[in-house]
C-alpha cells in the first residue's frame, strides 16, 4: 500500500510507483510540499495531509539524495494513514498483551517464591516453638534447599543433641536414685541390726529415729551427687 516517488532537486517528479509515465508527466511540481521543503535542509522530513491524487489521508516521509554535500533530489515514501494507524493499533495490542503476560508470569513466580520460601520459614518458626516448650523430639522436614535447608538441619541437630543429653541425664538420675535407695535401705538394716531389732524398729518409728535416718540419707545423697 506504500507509494514511492522520486523527485528532482527542483521539485519535478521523475518517477512514481502508482502512476504511469504519461500521468506522471502531468503531476505538479512538488517543491512546495512540506516534506520536500523539510528534506531540502539535508535531513529526512515527514508530514500528514490529504492526497488529491489518491483521495485519502497519507503519511509522507521524504529522504534527501545527497551528492557532494548538496541535495540533488528526494525519495519520498507515502503510506495511507489508515494503514499506519492499524499498524500502531496492532503494535499497542502486542505491547499490552506482552505486558499482561509479563505481569502474569511475575505474579506466578511471586506465588511460587512465597510457597517455597515462606512455608519452610513457617516450619522453622513452628519447630522453635516446639523446642521452647520442651518437645525436642520434633524434627523439621527439610523440603527447601540452600540456606533454609542448612538452618533446618542445624535446628534438627541441636534438638537431637539436647534430647540425647536429657536422656542421658535422666538415665544417670535413675541410676543414682537406685543407688541412693539401696544405700538407705542398707544403712537402715545395719542400724536396726546394731541397736537390736525390736528397739531399733521402735526407735526408727519414733521422731529421733526418723531424724537420724534423714541425716544419713542427706549425707549419702550429697556423696552420690
N, C-alpha and C. Protein backbone atom coordinates (compact mmCIF):
# COMPACT_ATOMS: atom_id res chain seq x y z
N UNK A 1 0.81 -1.21 0.00
CA UNK A 1 0.00 0.00 0.00
C UNK A 1 0.85 1.27 0.00
N UNK A 2 2.14 1.13 0.05
CA UNK A 2 3.01 2.30 0.08
C UNK A 2 3.31 2.78 -1.34
N UNK A 3 3.56 4.05 -1.45
CA UNK A 3 3.83 4.68 -2.75
C UNK A 3 5.18 5.36 -2.68
N UNK A 4 6.00 5.12 -3.69
CA UNK A 4 7.34 5.69 -3.75
C UNK A 4 7.42 6.67 -4.92
N UNK A 5 7.94 7.85 -4.62
CA UNK A 5 8.07 8.89 -5.64
C UNK A 5 9.50 9.41 -5.64
N UNK A 6 10.08 9.51 -6.85
CA UNK A 6 11.42 10.07 -7.00
C UNK A 6 11.27 11.48 -7.56
N UNK A 7 11.88 12.43 -6.83
CA UNK A 7 11.69 13.84 -7.15
C UNK A 7 13.06 14.48 -7.35
N UNK A 8 13.16 15.36 -8.33
CA UNK A 8 14.44 16.05 -8.58
C UNK A 8 14.64 17.16 -7.56
N UNK A 9 15.84 17.74 -7.58
CA UNK A 9 16.14 18.82 -6.65
C UNK A 9 15.27 20.03 -6.87
N UNK A 10 14.75 20.19 -8.08
CA UNK A 10 13.89 21.34 -8.38
C UNK A 10 12.43 21.07 -8.05
N UNK A 11 12.11 19.83 -7.69
CA UNK A 11 10.73 19.50 -7.34
C UNK A 11 9.99 18.77 -8.42
N UNK A 12 10.62 18.48 -9.55
CA UNK A 12 9.95 17.78 -10.64
C UNK A 12 9.89 16.29 -10.33
N UNK A 13 8.73 15.70 -10.63
CA UNK A 13 8.55 14.26 -10.37
C UNK A 13 9.24 13.49 -11.48
N UNK A 14 10.19 12.61 -11.09
CA UNK A 14 10.93 11.81 -12.05
C UNK A 14 10.41 10.38 -12.16
N UNK A 15 9.68 9.95 -11.12
CA UNK A 15 9.13 8.59 -11.15
C UNK A 15 8.16 8.40 -9.99
N UNK A 16 7.13 7.56 -10.26
CA UNK A 16 6.13 7.31 -9.23
C UNK A 16 5.63 5.87 -9.39
N UNK A 17 5.59 5.14 -8.27
CA UNK A 17 5.22 3.72 -8.31
C UNK A 17 3.74 3.50 -8.55
N UNK A 18 2.91 4.54 -8.40
CA UNK A 18 1.47 4.38 -8.55
C UNK A 18 0.92 5.02 -9.83
N UNK A 19 1.73 5.77 -10.52
CA UNK A 19 1.26 6.49 -11.71
C UNK A 19 2.05 6.05 -12.95
N UNK A 20 1.35 5.87 -14.06
CA UNK A 20 2.07 5.57 -15.31
C UNK A 20 2.86 6.80 -15.77
N UNK A 21 3.75 6.58 -16.72
CA UNK A 21 4.65 7.65 -17.13
C UNK A 21 3.88 8.85 -17.69
N UNK A 22 2.84 8.59 -18.44
CA UNK A 22 2.06 9.68 -19.04
C UNK A 22 1.39 10.53 -17.96
N UNK A 23 0.84 9.90 -16.97
CA UNK A 23 0.20 10.64 -15.88
C UNK A 23 1.23 11.34 -15.01
N UNK A 24 2.41 10.70 -14.87
CA UNK A 24 3.46 11.28 -14.04
C UNK A 24 3.92 12.62 -14.60
N UNK A 25 3.95 12.74 -15.95
CA UNK A 25 4.36 13.99 -16.57
C UNK A 25 3.39 15.12 -16.28
N UNK A 26 2.16 14.77 -15.96
CA UNK A 26 1.15 15.79 -15.69
C UNK A 26 1.15 16.23 -14.21
N UNK A 27 1.92 15.52 -13.37
CA UNK A 27 1.92 15.84 -11.94
C UNK A 27 2.60 17.18 -11.71
N UNK A 28 2.05 17.92 -10.77
CA UNK A 28 2.56 19.26 -10.46
C UNK A 28 3.90 19.17 -9.75
N UNK A 29 4.60 20.28 -9.72
CA UNK A 29 5.89 20.36 -9.05
C UNK A 29 5.71 20.18 -7.53
N UNK A 30 6.63 19.38 -6.95
CA UNK A 30 6.50 19.03 -5.53
C UNK A 30 7.43 19.84 -4.62
N UNK A 31 8.02 20.88 -5.16
CA UNK A 31 9.00 21.62 -4.35
C UNK A 31 8.35 22.34 -3.16
N UNK A 32 7.03 22.58 -3.25
CA UNK A 32 6.36 23.29 -2.16
C UNK A 32 5.70 22.34 -1.14
N UNK A 33 5.86 21.04 -1.36
CA UNK A 33 5.29 20.09 -0.41
C UNK A 33 6.07 20.17 0.92
N UNK A 34 5.37 20.13 2.04
CA UNK A 34 6.03 20.30 3.35
C UNK A 34 7.18 19.33 3.58
N UNK A 35 6.99 18.07 3.24
CA UNK A 35 8.05 17.09 3.49
C UNK A 35 9.27 17.34 2.61
N UNK A 36 9.03 17.84 1.37
CA UNK A 36 10.14 18.14 0.46
C UNK A 36 10.89 19.38 0.94
N UNK A 37 10.15 20.39 1.39
CA UNK A 37 10.78 21.60 1.91
C UNK A 37 11.60 21.28 3.16
N UNK A 38 11.08 20.35 3.98
CA UNK A 38 11.83 19.98 5.17
C UNK A 38 13.08 19.19 4.84
N UNK A 39 13.00 18.30 3.85
CA UNK A 39 14.16 17.49 3.46
C UNK A 39 15.18 18.30 2.69
N UNK A 40 14.82 19.49 2.21
CA UNK A 40 15.76 20.33 1.46
C UNK A 40 16.92 20.78 2.34
N UNK A 41 16.77 20.71 3.65
CA UNK A 41 17.85 21.07 4.58
C UNK A 41 18.86 19.95 4.76
N UNK A 42 18.64 18.81 4.08
CA UNK A 42 19.59 17.70 4.17
C UNK A 42 19.23 16.66 5.20
N UNK A 43 18.03 16.76 5.79
CA UNK A 43 17.61 15.79 6.80
C UNK A 43 16.24 15.23 6.42
N UNK A 44 15.93 13.97 6.78
CA UNK A 44 14.62 13.39 6.49
C UNK A 44 13.51 14.23 7.13
N UNK A 45 12.39 14.31 6.46
CA UNK A 45 11.25 15.07 6.95
C UNK A 45 9.98 14.29 6.65
N UNK A 46 8.93 14.60 7.41
CA UNK A 46 7.68 13.87 7.24
C UNK A 46 6.51 14.82 7.43
N UNK A 47 5.33 14.36 6.99
CA UNK A 47 4.13 15.17 7.13
C UNK A 47 2.90 14.33 6.85
N UNK A 48 1.77 14.78 7.34
CA UNK A 48 0.49 14.09 7.12
C UNK A 48 -0.47 15.09 6.47
N UNK A 49 -1.07 14.65 5.34
CA UNK A 49 -2.04 15.51 4.68
C UNK A 49 -2.89 14.68 3.72
N UNK A 50 -3.94 15.31 3.20
CA UNK A 50 -4.84 14.62 2.29
C UNK A 50 -4.27 14.64 0.88
N UNK A 51 -4.25 13.47 0.25
CA UNK A 51 -3.72 13.37 -1.11
C UNK A 51 -4.84 13.57 -2.12
N UNK A 52 -4.70 14.60 -2.97
CA UNK A 52 -5.69 14.85 -4.01
C UNK A 52 -5.64 13.78 -5.08
N UNK A 53 -4.45 13.16 -5.26
CA UNK A 53 -4.31 12.14 -6.29
C UNK A 53 -5.00 10.84 -5.86
N UNK A 54 -4.74 10.39 -4.58
CA UNK A 54 -5.29 9.12 -4.08
C UNK A 54 -6.59 9.31 -3.31
N UNK A 55 -6.95 10.56 -2.98
CA UNK A 55 -8.18 10.88 -2.27
C UNK A 55 -8.25 10.21 -0.89
N UNK A 56 -7.15 10.28 -0.15
CA UNK A 56 -7.12 9.73 1.22
C UNK A 56 -6.00 10.40 2.01
N UNK A 57 -6.10 10.33 3.31
CA UNK A 57 -5.04 10.88 4.17
C UNK A 57 -3.80 9.99 4.07
N UNK A 58 -2.66 10.65 3.90
CA UNK A 58 -1.41 9.93 3.69
C UNK A 58 -0.33 10.44 4.64
N UNK A 59 0.56 9.53 4.98
CA UNK A 59 1.76 9.88 5.74
C UNK A 59 2.92 9.92 4.75
N UNK A 60 3.59 11.08 4.66
CA UNK A 60 4.68 11.26 3.71
C UNK A 60 6.01 11.36 4.47
N UNK A 61 6.99 10.64 3.95
CA UNK A 61 8.35 10.72 4.51
C UNK A 61 9.30 10.94 3.34
N UNK A 62 10.04 12.03 3.39
CA UNK A 62 10.98 12.37 2.31
C UNK A 62 12.40 12.29 2.82
N UNK A 63 13.26 11.64 2.03
CA UNK A 63 14.67 11.50 2.37
C UNK A 63 15.49 12.17 1.27
N UNK A 64 16.40 13.08 1.63
CA UNK A 64 17.19 13.76 0.59
C UNK A 64 18.24 12.84 -0.02
N UNK A 65 18.48 13.01 -1.33
CA UNK A 65 19.54 12.28 -2.03
C UNK A 65 20.72 13.22 -2.16
N UNK A 66 21.78 12.95 -1.43
CA UNK A 66 22.92 13.85 -1.33
C UNK A 66 24.00 13.48 -2.34
N UNK A 67 24.70 14.49 -2.83
CA UNK A 67 25.84 14.27 -3.74
C UNK A 67 26.82 15.41 -3.52
N UNK A 68 27.96 15.09 -2.95
CA UNK A 68 28.96 16.11 -2.69
C UNK A 68 28.51 17.13 -1.68
N UNK A 69 27.68 16.71 -0.74
CA UNK A 69 27.20 17.62 0.29
C UNK A 69 26.03 18.47 -0.14
N UNK A 70 25.54 18.25 -1.35
CA UNK A 70 24.42 19.04 -1.85
C UNK A 70 23.23 18.13 -2.11
N UNK A 71 22.02 18.68 -1.94
CA UNK A 71 20.80 17.91 -2.18
C UNK A 71 20.51 17.92 -3.68
N UNK A 72 20.56 16.68 -4.27
CA UNK A 72 20.33 16.56 -5.71
C UNK A 72 18.90 16.11 -6.03
N UNK A 73 18.21 15.57 -5.03
CA UNK A 73 16.86 15.08 -5.27
C UNK A 73 16.29 14.50 -3.98
N UNK A 74 15.12 13.87 -4.15
CA UNK A 74 14.44 13.32 -2.97
C UNK A 74 13.81 11.99 -3.32
N UNK A 75 13.73 11.14 -2.32
CA UNK A 75 12.96 9.90 -2.43
C UNK A 75 11.87 9.98 -1.36
N UNK A 76 10.62 9.92 -1.83
CA UNK A 76 9.52 10.10 -0.91
C UNK A 76 8.70 8.82 -0.82
N UNK A 77 8.38 8.46 0.43
CA UNK A 77 7.53 7.30 0.69
C UNK A 77 6.20 7.80 1.23
N UNK A 78 5.13 7.35 0.58
CA UNK A 78 3.78 7.74 1.01
C UNK A 78 3.02 6.48 1.42
N UNK A 79 2.44 6.51 2.61
CA UNK A 79 1.69 5.37 3.15
C UNK A 79 0.34 5.86 3.63
N UNK A 80 -0.74 5.14 3.30
CA UNK A 80 -2.06 5.55 3.81
C UNK A 80 -2.06 5.64 5.33
N UNK A 81 -2.62 6.72 5.83
CA UNK A 81 -2.62 6.93 7.28
C UNK A 81 -3.40 5.84 8.00
N UNK A 82 -4.43 5.30 7.33
CA UNK A 82 -5.21 4.22 7.95
C UNK A 82 -4.34 2.99 8.19
N UNK A 83 -3.44 2.69 7.27
CA UNK A 83 -2.54 1.55 7.43
C UNK A 83 -1.59 1.78 8.59
N UNK A 84 -1.11 3.03 8.71
CA UNK A 84 -0.20 3.35 9.82
C UNK A 84 -0.93 3.24 11.15
N UNK A 85 -2.16 3.77 11.18
CA UNK A 85 -2.94 3.69 12.42
C UNK A 85 -3.25 2.25 12.79
N UNK A 86 -3.55 1.42 11.76
CA UNK A 86 -3.82 0.00 12.01
C UNK A 86 -2.57 -0.69 12.55
N UNK A 87 -1.43 -0.35 11.97
CA UNK A 87 -0.17 -0.94 12.42
C UNK A 87 0.14 -0.51 13.86
N UNK A 88 -0.08 0.77 14.16
CA UNK A 88 0.16 1.25 15.52
C UNK A 88 -0.80 0.61 16.51
N UNK A 89 -2.07 0.42 16.08
CA UNK A 89 -3.04 -0.23 16.95
C UNK A 89 -2.64 -1.68 17.24
N UNK A 90 -2.17 -2.36 16.21
CA UNK A 90 -1.70 -3.74 16.40
C UNK A 90 -0.49 -3.78 17.31
N UNK A 91 0.39 -2.80 17.13
CA UNK A 91 1.58 -2.74 17.98
C UNK A 91 1.21 -2.49 19.43
N UNK A 92 0.23 -1.60 19.64
CA UNK A 92 -0.23 -1.33 21.01
C UNK A 92 -0.82 -2.58 21.64
N UNK A 93 -1.61 -3.33 20.84
CA UNK A 93 -2.18 -4.56 21.38
C UNK A 93 -1.10 -5.57 21.75
N UNK A 94 -0.08 -5.65 20.90
CA UNK A 94 1.02 -6.58 21.19
C UNK A 94 1.75 -6.17 22.46
N UNK A 95 1.98 -4.86 22.61
CA UNK A 95 2.68 -4.36 23.80
C UNK A 95 1.84 -4.61 25.06
N UNK A 96 0.53 -4.33 24.97
CA UNK A 96 -0.35 -4.55 26.12
C UNK A 96 -0.40 -6.03 26.48
N UNK A 97 -0.52 -6.88 25.44
CA UNK A 97 -0.56 -8.32 25.69
C UNK A 97 0.75 -8.81 26.30
N UNK A 98 1.86 -8.29 25.77
CA UNK A 98 3.17 -8.67 26.33
C UNK A 98 3.32 -8.23 27.77
N UNK A 99 2.84 -7.02 28.06
CA UNK A 99 2.90 -6.52 29.44
C UNK A 99 2.02 -7.37 30.36
N UNK A 100 0.81 -7.74 29.88
CA UNK A 100 -0.09 -8.56 30.70
C UNK A 100 0.51 -9.94 30.96
N UNK A 101 1.11 -10.53 29.92
CA UNK A 101 1.74 -11.84 30.11
C UNK A 101 2.93 -11.75 31.06
N UNK A 102 3.71 -10.66 30.94
CA UNK A 102 4.85 -10.48 31.84
C UNK A 102 4.38 -10.31 33.28
N UNK A 103 3.31 -9.53 33.47
CA UNK A 103 2.77 -9.33 34.82
C UNK A 103 2.24 -10.64 35.39
N UNK A 104 1.56 -11.44 34.54
CA UNK A 104 1.04 -12.72 35.00
C UNK A 104 2.18 -13.67 35.37
N UNK A 105 3.22 -13.67 34.54
CA UNK A 105 4.38 -14.53 34.83
C UNK A 105 5.05 -14.10 36.13
N UNK A 106 5.20 -12.78 36.31
CA UNK A 106 5.81 -12.28 37.55
C UNK A 106 4.96 -12.64 38.76
N UNK A 107 3.62 -12.58 38.59
CA UNK A 107 2.73 -12.95 39.69
C UNK A 107 2.87 -14.43 40.04
N UNK A 108 2.92 -15.28 39.02
CA UNK A 108 3.08 -16.72 39.26
C UNK A 108 4.41 -17.01 39.94
N UNK A 109 5.47 -16.34 39.47
CA UNK A 109 6.79 -16.54 40.09
C UNK A 109 6.75 -16.09 41.54
N UNK A 110 6.09 -14.95 41.80
CA UNK A 110 5.98 -14.46 43.18
C UNK A 110 5.25 -15.44 44.07
N UNK A 111 4.14 -16.03 43.54
CA UNK A 111 3.38 -17.00 44.33
C UNK A 111 4.23 -18.23 44.63
N UNK A 112 4.98 -18.70 43.61
CA UNK A 112 5.84 -19.87 43.82
C UNK A 112 6.93 -19.58 44.84
N UNK A 113 7.49 -18.37 44.76
CA UNK A 113 8.54 -18.00 45.73
C UNK A 113 7.97 -17.97 47.14
N UNK A 114 6.75 -17.42 47.27
CA UNK A 114 6.12 -17.37 48.60
C UNK A 114 5.86 -18.78 49.13
N UNK A 115 5.38 -19.66 48.24
CA UNK A 115 5.07 -21.03 48.67
C UNK A 115 6.33 -21.79 49.07
N UNK A 116 7.40 -21.62 48.30
CA UNK A 116 8.61 -22.40 48.54
C UNK A 116 9.53 -21.77 49.57
N UNK A 117 9.32 -20.50 49.89
CA UNK A 117 10.19 -19.82 50.87
C UNK A 117 9.47 -19.62 52.19
N UNK A 118 8.22 -19.14 52.13
CA UNK A 118 7.52 -18.85 53.39
C UNK A 118 7.16 -20.12 54.14
N UNK A 119 6.82 -21.21 53.42
CA UNK A 119 6.45 -22.45 54.10
C UNK A 119 7.60 -23.01 54.94
N UNK A 120 8.84 -23.11 54.40
CA UNK A 120 9.95 -23.56 55.25
C UNK A 120 10.19 -22.65 56.44
N UNK A 121 10.02 -21.34 56.24
CA UNK A 121 10.21 -20.40 57.36
C UNK A 121 9.16 -20.65 58.43
N UNK A 122 7.92 -20.89 58.01
CA UNK A 122 6.86 -21.20 58.98
C UNK A 122 7.16 -22.49 59.73
N UNK A 123 7.72 -23.49 59.01
CA UNK A 123 8.09 -24.75 59.67
C UNK A 123 9.16 -24.52 60.72
N UNK A 124 10.12 -23.68 60.41
CA UNK A 124 11.21 -23.39 61.36
C UNK A 124 10.66 -22.67 62.58
N UNK A 125 9.76 -21.70 62.36
CA UNK A 125 9.15 -20.97 63.48
C UNK A 125 8.36 -21.93 64.36
N UNK A 126 7.58 -22.82 63.72
CA UNK A 126 6.80 -23.79 64.49
C UNK A 126 7.71 -24.71 65.28
N UNK A 127 8.82 -25.15 64.66
CA UNK A 127 9.77 -26.03 65.36
C UNK A 127 10.41 -25.32 66.55
N UNK A 128 10.74 -24.04 66.39
CA UNK A 128 11.34 -23.30 67.50
C UNK A 128 10.38 -23.20 68.68
N UNK A 129 9.08 -23.09 68.40
CA UNK A 129 8.08 -23.07 69.47
C UNK A 129 8.00 -24.42 70.16
N UNK A 130 8.09 -25.49 69.37
CA UNK A 130 8.07 -26.83 69.95
C UNK A 130 9.29 -27.04 70.85
N UNK A 131 10.45 -26.60 70.40
CA UNK A 131 11.67 -26.75 71.20
C UNK A 131 11.57 -25.92 72.48
N UNK A 132 10.99 -24.71 72.34
CA UNK A 132 10.86 -23.85 73.51
C UNK A 132 9.94 -24.46 74.56
N UNK A 133 8.98 -25.27 74.11
CA UNK A 133 8.06 -25.92 75.05
C UNK A 133 8.63 -27.21 75.62
N UNK A 134 9.83 -27.60 75.17
CA UNK A 134 10.48 -28.80 75.71
C UNK A 134 10.32 -30.03 74.85
N UNK A 135 9.68 -29.91 73.70
CA UNK A 135 9.50 -31.07 72.81
C UNK A 135 10.67 -31.15 71.84
N UNK A 136 11.77 -31.76 72.28
CA UNK A 136 12.97 -31.86 71.45
C UNK A 136 12.94 -33.08 70.54
N UNK A 137 11.85 -33.86 70.58
CA UNK A 137 11.72 -35.00 69.68
C UNK A 137 11.19 -34.57 68.31
N UNK A 138 10.69 -33.32 68.22
CA UNK A 138 10.16 -32.83 66.95
C UNK A 138 11.30 -32.58 65.96
N UNK A 139 11.06 -32.87 64.68
CA UNK A 139 12.06 -32.66 63.64
C UNK A 139 11.44 -31.88 62.49
N UNK A 140 12.25 -31.00 61.91
CA UNK A 140 11.81 -30.20 60.76
C UNK A 140 12.04 -31.01 59.49
N UNK A 141 11.02 -31.09 58.66
CA UNK A 141 11.17 -31.76 57.37
C UNK A 141 11.80 -30.79 56.39
N UNK A 142 13.05 -31.02 56.05
CA UNK A 142 13.79 -30.09 55.19
C UNK A 142 13.39 -30.30 53.74
N UNK A 143 12.38 -29.53 53.28
CA UNK A 143 11.93 -29.62 51.89
C UNK A 143 12.61 -28.58 51.00
N UNK A 144 13.17 -27.56 51.59
CA UNK A 144 13.78 -26.48 50.82
C UNK A 144 15.23 -26.81 50.52
N UNK A 145 15.92 -25.86 49.93
CA UNK A 145 17.33 -26.02 49.60
C UNK A 145 18.08 -24.76 49.99
N UNK A 146 19.39 -24.85 49.95
CA UNK A 146 20.20 -23.68 50.25
C UNK A 146 20.30 -23.40 51.73
N UNK A 147 20.27 -22.13 52.08
CA UNK A 147 20.48 -21.70 53.46
C UNK A 147 19.35 -22.16 54.37
N UNK A 148 18.10 -22.17 53.87
CA UNK A 148 16.99 -22.61 54.71
C UNK A 148 17.12 -24.09 55.05
N UNK A 149 17.61 -24.89 54.12
CA UNK A 149 17.82 -26.31 54.41
C UNK A 149 18.91 -26.49 55.45
N UNK A 150 19.99 -25.72 55.32
CA UNK A 150 21.07 -25.80 56.31
C UNK A 150 20.57 -25.37 57.69
N UNK A 151 19.73 -24.33 57.73
CA UNK A 151 19.18 -23.87 59.01
C UNK A 151 18.29 -24.94 59.62
N UNK A 152 17.47 -25.61 58.80
CA UNK A 152 16.60 -26.67 59.30
C UNK A 152 17.43 -27.83 59.86
N UNK A 153 18.47 -28.21 59.14
CA UNK A 153 19.32 -29.30 59.60
C UNK A 153 20.05 -28.92 60.89
N UNK A 154 20.43 -27.66 61.02
CA UNK A 154 21.08 -27.20 62.25
C UNK A 154 20.13 -27.28 63.43
N UNK A 155 18.87 -26.86 63.22
CA UNK A 155 17.86 -26.96 64.29
C UNK A 155 17.65 -28.42 64.69
N UNK A 156 17.56 -29.29 63.69
CA UNK A 156 17.35 -30.72 63.98
C UNK A 156 18.52 -31.31 64.75
N UNK A 157 19.74 -30.96 64.35
CA UNK A 157 20.92 -31.46 65.05
C UNK A 157 20.97 -30.95 66.49
N UNK A 158 20.63 -29.69 66.68
CA UNK A 158 20.61 -29.11 68.02
C UNK A 158 19.58 -29.82 68.90
N UNK A 159 18.37 -30.04 68.33
CA UNK A 159 17.32 -30.71 69.10
C UNK A 159 17.72 -32.14 69.43
N UNK A 160 18.36 -32.83 68.46
CA UNK A 160 18.79 -34.20 68.72
C UNK A 160 19.85 -34.25 69.82
N UNK A 161 20.77 -33.29 69.81
CA UNK A 161 21.80 -33.24 70.84
C UNK A 161 21.22 -32.98 72.22
N UNK A 162 20.28 -32.03 72.28
CA UNK A 162 19.65 -31.73 73.57
C UNK A 162 18.84 -32.93 74.06
N UNK A 163 18.12 -33.59 73.13
CA UNK A 163 17.32 -34.75 73.51
C UNK A 163 18.21 -35.87 74.05
N UNK A 164 19.36 -36.10 73.41
CA UNK A 164 20.28 -37.13 73.88
C UNK A 164 20.86 -36.77 75.24
N UNK A 165 21.18 -35.50 75.43
CA UNK A 165 21.71 -35.05 76.72
C UNK A 165 20.68 -35.24 77.83
N UNK A 166 19.41 -34.91 77.54
CA UNK A 166 18.35 -35.10 78.54
C UNK A 166 18.16 -36.58 78.84
N UNK A 167 18.21 -37.42 77.81
CA UNK A 167 18.04 -38.86 78.01
C UNK A 167 19.14 -39.42 78.90
N UNK A 168 20.37 -38.99 78.64
CA UNK A 168 21.48 -39.46 79.47
C UNK A 168 21.35 -38.94 80.91
N UNK A 169 20.93 -37.70 81.06
CA UNK A 169 20.77 -37.14 82.40
C UNK A 169 19.70 -37.89 83.17
N UNK A 170 18.59 -38.22 82.48
CA UNK A 170 17.52 -38.97 83.15
C UNK A 170 17.99 -40.37 83.53
N UNK A 171 18.77 -41.00 82.64
CA UNK A 171 19.29 -42.34 82.94
C UNK A 171 20.23 -42.30 84.14
N UNK A 172 21.11 -41.31 84.17
CA UNK A 172 22.03 -41.18 85.31
C UNK A 172 21.26 -40.88 86.59
N UNK A 173 20.20 -40.09 86.47
CA UNK A 173 19.38 -39.78 87.64
C UNK A 173 18.73 -41.05 88.20
N UNK A 174 18.21 -41.88 87.30
CA UNK A 174 17.59 -43.13 87.74
C UNK A 174 18.62 -44.05 88.40
N UNK A 175 19.84 -44.08 87.84
CA UNK A 175 20.89 -44.89 88.44
C UNK A 175 21.24 -44.38 89.83
N UNK A 176 21.42 -43.08 89.99
CA UNK A 176 21.74 -42.50 91.29
C UNK A 176 20.61 -42.73 92.30
N UNK A 177 19.39 -42.62 91.79
CA UNK A 177 18.25 -42.83 92.67
C UNK A 177 18.22 -44.26 93.19
N UNK A 178 18.52 -45.22 92.27
CA UNK A 178 18.52 -46.62 92.70
C UNK A 178 19.64 -46.88 93.69
N UNK A 179 20.84 -46.30 93.43
CA UNK A 179 21.95 -46.48 94.36
C UNK A 179 21.63 -45.85 95.70
N UNK A 180 21.04 -44.68 95.66
CA UNK A 180 20.70 -43.97 96.89
C UNK A 180 19.70 -44.78 97.73
N UNK A 181 18.67 -45.31 97.06
CA UNK A 181 17.66 -46.07 97.79
C UNK A 181 18.25 -47.34 98.38
N UNK A 182 19.13 -48.00 97.62
CA UNK A 182 19.73 -49.23 98.14
C UNK A 182 20.65 -48.93 99.32
N UNK A 183 21.36 -47.80 99.26
CA UNK A 183 22.24 -47.44 100.37
C UNK A 183 21.46 -47.07 101.60
N UNK A 184 20.33 -46.40 101.41
CA UNK A 184 19.48 -46.05 102.56
C UNK A 184 18.93 -47.32 103.22
N UNK A 185 18.49 -48.26 102.42
CA UNK A 185 17.96 -49.50 102.96
C UNK A 185 19.05 -50.29 103.70
N UNK A 186 20.25 -50.26 103.10
CA UNK A 186 21.37 -50.94 103.76
C UNK A 186 21.71 -50.30 105.08
N UNK A 187 21.73 -48.97 105.09
CA UNK A 187 22.03 -48.25 106.33
C UNK A 187 20.96 -48.53 107.38
N UNK A 188 19.73 -48.56 106.97
CA UNK A 188 18.64 -48.81 107.93
C UNK A 188 18.73 -50.22 108.50
N UNK A 189 19.05 -51.18 107.63
CA UNK A 189 19.17 -52.56 108.10
C UNK A 189 20.32 -52.69 109.09
N UNK A 190 21.42 -51.99 108.75
CA UNK A 190 22.58 -52.04 109.67
C UNK A 190 22.24 -51.40 111.00
N UNK A 191 21.52 -50.28 110.96
CA UNK A 191 21.15 -49.57 112.19
C UNK A 191 20.28 -50.46 113.08
N UNK A 192 19.33 -51.13 112.44
CA UNK A 192 18.43 -52.00 113.20
C UNK A 192 19.18 -53.18 113.80
N UNK A 193 20.13 -53.68 113.01
CA UNK A 193 20.91 -54.84 113.48
C UNK A 193 21.75 -54.46 114.68
N UNK A 194 22.39 -53.30 114.64
CA UNK A 194 23.28 -52.90 115.72
C UNK A 194 22.51 -52.53 116.98
N UNK A 195 21.41 -51.90 116.89
CA UNK A 195 20.65 -51.42 118.04
C UNK A 195 19.67 -52.45 118.57
N UNK A 196 19.55 -53.53 117.83
CA UNK A 196 18.58 -54.53 118.24
C UNK A 196 17.34 -54.40 117.41
N UNK A 197 16.86 -55.52 116.94
CA UNK A 197 15.76 -55.48 116.00
C UNK A 197 14.53 -54.81 116.60
N UNK A 198 14.17 -55.18 117.80
CA UNK A 198 12.95 -54.62 118.40
C UNK A 198 13.09 -53.16 118.74
N UNK A 199 14.21 -52.87 119.48
CA UNK A 199 14.41 -51.48 119.88
C UNK A 199 14.68 -50.59 118.69
N UNK A 200 15.40 -51.13 117.72
CA UNK A 200 15.70 -50.32 116.52
C UNK A 200 14.46 -50.02 115.72
N UNK A 201 13.63 -50.99 115.64
CA UNK A 201 12.39 -50.77 114.89
C UNK A 201 11.51 -49.72 115.56
N UNK A 202 11.43 -49.82 116.87
CA UNK A 202 10.65 -48.84 117.60
C UNK A 202 11.28 -47.47 117.49
N UNK A 203 12.65 -47.44 117.60
CA UNK A 203 13.33 -46.15 117.51
C UNK A 203 13.18 -45.54 116.13
N UNK A 204 13.19 -46.44 115.11
CA UNK A 204 13.06 -45.93 113.74
C UNK A 204 11.70 -45.31 113.50
N UNK A 205 10.72 -45.85 114.20
CA UNK A 205 9.37 -45.30 114.03
C UNK A 205 9.21 -44.00 114.81
N UNK A 206 10.08 -43.80 115.83
CA UNK A 206 9.99 -42.58 116.62
C UNK A 206 10.57 -41.41 115.85
N UNK A 207 10.37 -40.20 116.36
CA UNK A 207 10.88 -39.00 115.70
C UNK A 207 12.39 -38.98 115.64
N UNK A 208 13.07 -39.39 116.70
CA UNK A 208 14.54 -39.39 116.72
C UNK A 208 15.09 -40.34 115.68
N UNK A 209 14.46 -41.48 115.54
CA UNK A 209 14.93 -42.45 114.53
C UNK A 209 14.78 -41.91 113.13
N UNK A 210 13.65 -41.31 112.87
CA UNK A 210 13.43 -40.74 111.53
C UNK A 210 14.40 -39.61 111.26
N UNK A 211 14.72 -38.81 112.28
CA UNK A 211 15.65 -37.71 112.08
C UNK A 211 17.04 -38.22 111.74
N UNK A 212 17.49 -39.24 112.46
CA UNK A 212 18.82 -39.80 112.23
C UNK A 212 18.90 -40.43 110.84
N UNK A 213 17.83 -41.09 110.45
CA UNK A 213 17.82 -41.67 109.10
C UNK A 213 17.82 -40.57 108.03
N UNK A 214 17.12 -39.50 108.28
CA UNK A 214 17.09 -38.39 107.32
C UNK A 214 18.46 -37.76 107.16
N UNK A 215 19.19 -37.59 108.30
CA UNK A 215 20.54 -37.03 108.24
C UNK A 215 21.45 -37.95 107.43
N UNK A 216 21.35 -39.24 107.68
CA UNK A 216 22.18 -40.20 106.93
C UNK A 216 21.82 -40.17 105.45
N UNK A 217 20.55 -40.10 105.13
CA UNK A 217 20.11 -40.07 103.73
C UNK A 217 20.62 -38.82 103.02
N UNK A 218 20.61 -37.69 103.77
CA UNK A 218 21.11 -36.44 103.18
C UNK A 218 22.59 -36.54 102.87
N UNK A 219 23.34 -37.08 103.78
CA UNK A 219 24.79 -37.23 103.58
C UNK A 219 25.08 -38.15 102.41
N UNK A 220 24.31 -39.24 102.29
CA UNK A 220 24.51 -40.15 101.18
C UNK A 220 24.16 -39.49 99.86
N UNK A 221 23.11 -38.70 99.88
CA UNK A 221 22.71 -38.02 98.65
C UNK A 221 23.78 -37.05 98.17
N UNK A 222 24.41 -36.32 99.13
CA UNK A 222 25.49 -35.39 98.77
C UNK A 222 26.68 -36.14 98.20
N UNK A 223 26.98 -37.29 98.77
CA UNK A 223 28.10 -38.10 98.26
C UNK A 223 27.82 -38.60 96.85
N UNK A 224 26.57 -38.98 96.59
CA UNK A 224 26.20 -39.54 95.28
C UNK A 224 26.14 -38.49 94.20
N UNK A 225 25.81 -37.23 94.58
CA UNK A 225 25.65 -36.18 93.58
C UNK A 225 26.87 -35.31 93.49
